[in-house]
Amino acid sequence: MIKELIISILIPNLIGFIGNLLGSPSNFNEIVKPDFTPSKGVFPVVWITLYILMGISAYIIYKSNDVNKKDALKYYFIQLILNALFNLFFFNLKWYLFSFIWIFILLIVVIIMIYKFFKINNISAYLQVPYVLWIIFASIITYYVYLLN
């Protein structure tokens, strides 16, 4: 049980790490950002926290006996991949408009995932709420970066 929980927490953190390798936010300070953008040091803390919550949430779904868990977890893994690829488009390629569209697609997939999680276990869905709120906030930042750059 503990081993599966730890693996469930490590999976989104590992995919997030891969996302950082695909698109290192090293040029964060070079990008013109809106004034409400948090400092660079805030992002790792937020993401690690969100990845832990995602992992716990996915673990709850994985351990459930619900016949729909495979479908729900499919959306979970799709959103992890969409999330990781965002860094490539935003930081490395500097495709700011495309990144805004991409993050909007990510938001839609996350909302679908939350809905599917909720139907299986409402706590697993509630654990995803900070993530969807962060994506909304990041979408706004991404849109402003597109406008300012």
Protein backbone atom coordinates (compact mmCIF):
# COMPACT_ATOMS: atom_id res chain seq x y z
CA MET A 1 0.00 0.00 0.00
CA ILE A 2 2.69 2.53 0.98
CA LYS A 3 4.85 1.45 -1.96
CA GLU A 4 1.98 2.07 -4.41
CA LEU A 5 1.27 5.46 -2.84
CA ILE A 6 4.93 6.49 -3.13
CA ILE A 7 5.02 5.35 -6.77
CA SER A 8 1.79 7.29 -7.41
CA ILE A 9 3.41 10.42 -6.01
CA LEU A 10 6.68 9.88 -7.86
CA ILE A 11 5.01 9.48 -11.28
CA PRO A 12 3.76 13.08 -11.67
CA ASN A 13 6.99 14.41 -10.14
CA LEU A 14 9.06 12.41 -12.62
CA ILE A 15 6.94 13.56 -15.56
CA GLY A 16 7.21 17.13 -14.26
CA PHE A 17 10.99 16.74 -14.10
CA ILE A 18 11.00 15.48 -17.69
CA GLY A 19 8.89 18.50 -18.63
CA ASN A 20 11.54 20.76 -17.12
CA LEU A 21 14.20 18.97 -19.16
CA LEU A 22 12.13 19.47 -22.34
CA GLY A 23 11.68 23.15 -21.69
CA SER A 24 13.91 24.51 -19.01
CA PRO A 25 12.51 27.64 -17.40
CA SER A 26 16.05 29.05 -17.31
CA ASN A 27 14.96 31.99 -19.48
CA PHE A 28 12.18 32.90 -17.02
CA ASN A 29 13.82 36.27 -16.21
CA GLU A 30 14.17 37.16 -19.90
CA ILE A 31 10.44 36.92 -20.59
CA VAL A 32 8.35 40.06 -20.17
CA LYS A 33 5.67 38.99 -17.68
CA PRO A 34 2.67 40.65 -16.08
CA ASP A 35 3.28 42.27 -12.69
CA PHE A 36 1.21 39.64 -10.88
CA THR A 37 3.54 36.79 -11.94
CA PRO A 38 5.02 35.08 -8.88
CA SER A 39 8.79 35.03 -8.46
CA LYS A 40 10.71 32.16 -10.03
CA GLY A 41 11.22 30.50 -6.63
CA VAL A 42 7.48 30.06 -6.08
CA PHE A 43 6.98 27.75 -9.05
CA PRO A 44 8.95 24.70 -7.83
CA VAL A 45 7.20 24.79 -4.45
CA VAL A 46 3.78 25.04 -6.07
CA TRP A 47 4.49 22.30 -8.60
CA ILE A 48 5.90 19.84 -6.08
CA THR A 49 2.83 20.40 -3.90
CA LEU A 50 0.49 19.96 -6.87
CA TYR A 51 2.30 16.81 -8.02
CA ILE A 52 1.99 15.31 -4.54
CA LEU A 53 -1.75 16.05 -4.50
CA MET A 54 -2.09 14.64 -8.04
CA GLY A 55 -0.29 11.47 -7.01
CA ILE A 56 -2.45 10.96 -3.93
CA SER A 57 -5.56 11.61 -6.00
CA ALA A 58 -4.51 9.12 -8.69
CA TYR A 59 -3.64 6.56 -6.00
CA ILE A 60 -7.17 6.81 -4.60
CA ILE A 61 -8.59 6.15 -8.06
CA TYR A 62 -6.11 3.35 -8.74
CA LYS A 63 -7.03 1.57 -5.50
CA SER A 64 -10.77 1.87 -6.13
CA ASN A 65 -12.83 -1.04 -7.39
CA ASP A 66 -14.76 1.17 -9.78
CA VAL A 67 -15.11 -0.18 -13.32
CA ASN A 68 -14.43 3.32 -14.70
CA LYS A 69 -11.05 3.80 -13.04
CA LYS A 70 -9.08 2.85 -16.17
CA ASP A 71 -10.86 5.55 -18.19
CA ALA A 72 -10.34 8.14 -15.43
CA LEU A 73 -6.64 7.30 -15.14
CA LYS A 74 -6.30 7.59 -18.94
CA TYR A 75 -7.26 11.27 -18.65
CA TYR A 76 -4.87 11.62 -15.72
CA PHE A 77 -1.93 10.45 -17.82
CA ILE A 78 -3.00 12.50 -20.84
CA GLN A 79 -3.03 15.67 -18.75
CA LEU A 80 0.40 14.83 -17.30
CA ILE A 81 1.82 14.59 -20.82
CA LEU A 82 0.08 17.80 -21.93
CA ASN A 83 1.46 19.50 -18.83
CA ALA A 84 5.03 18.34 -19.46
CA LEU A 85 4.97 19.43 -23.11
CA PHE A 86 3.85 22.95 -22.16
CA ASN A 87 7.38 23.77 -20.99
CA LEU A 88 8.82 22.82 -24.37
CA PHE A 89 6.43 25.10 -26.25
CA PHE A 90 6.55 28.00 -23.79
CA PHE A 91 10.17 28.14 -22.63
CA ASN A 92 12.24 26.57 -25.40
CA LEU A 93 10.26 27.35 -28.52
CA LYS A 94 8.71 30.58 -27.15
CA TRP A 95 5.45 29.82 -28.92
CA TYR A 96 3.41 31.98 -26.56
CA LEU A 97 0.11 31.99 -28.45
CA PHE A 98 0.37 28.25 -29.10
CA SER A 99 1.22 27.76 -25.41
CA PHE A 100 -1.91 29.65 -24.43
CA ILE A 101 -4.02 27.40 -26.67
CA TRP A 102 -2.16 24.35 -25.31
CA ILE A 103 -2.76 25.28 -21.68
CA PHE A 104 -6.43 25.85 -22.47
CA ILE A 105 -6.60 22.31 -23.89
CA LEU A 106 -4.81 21.10 -20.75
CA LEU A 107 -7.44 22.86 -18.64
CA ILE A 108 -10.26 21.13 -20.50
CA VAL A 109 -8.63 17.71 -20.08
CA VAL A 110 -8.05 18.36 -16.37
CA ILE A 111 -11.69 19.37 -15.89
CA ILE A 112 -12.80 16.15 -17.63
CA MET A 113 -10.39 14.19 -15.43
CA ILE A 114 -11.75 15.83 -12.28
CA TYR A 115 -15.30 15.00 -13.35
CA LYS A 116 -14.35 11.37 -13.94
CA PHE A 117 -12.48 11.22 -10.63
CA PHE A 118 -15.47 12.75 -8.83
CA LYS A 119 -17.75 10.01 -10.14
CA ILE A 120 -15.41 7.45 -8.56
CA ASN A 121 -14.28 9.23 -5.38
CA ASN A 122 -15.07 12.84 -4.53
CA ILE A 123 -11.96 13.27 -2.34
CA SER A 124 -9.73 12.40 -5.29
CA ALA A 125 -11.50 15.10 -7.31
CA TYR A 126 -11.18 17.71 -4.54
CA LEU A 127 -7.44 17.03 -4.33
CA GLN A 128 -7.22 18.23 -7.95
CA VAL A 129 -8.91 21.60 -7.29
CA PRO A 130 -5.66 23.45 -6.45
CA TYR A 131 -4.22 22.15 -9.72
CA VAL A 132 -7.10 23.42 -11.84
CA LEU A 133 -6.94 26.78 -10.06
CA TRP A 134 -3.20 26.99 -10.74
CA ILE A 135 -3.77 26.14 -14.41
CA ILE A 136 -6.33 28.94 -14.66
CA PHE A 137 -3.83 31.34 -13.09
CA ALA A 138 -1.04 30.07 -15.37
CA SER A 139 -3.36 30.50 -18.36
CA ILE A 140 -3.83 34.15 -17.50
CA ILE A 141 -0.07 34.62 -17.14
CA THR A 142 0.51 32.81 -20.44
CA TYR A 143 -1.99 35.04 -22.21
CA TYR A 144 -0.32 38.17 -20.87
CA VAL A 145 3.12 36.86 -21.82
CA TYR A 146 1.78 36.41 -25.34
CA LEU A 147 0.52 40.00 -25.36
CA LEU A 148 3.70 41.46 -23.85
CA ASN A 149 6.19 39.57 -25.98
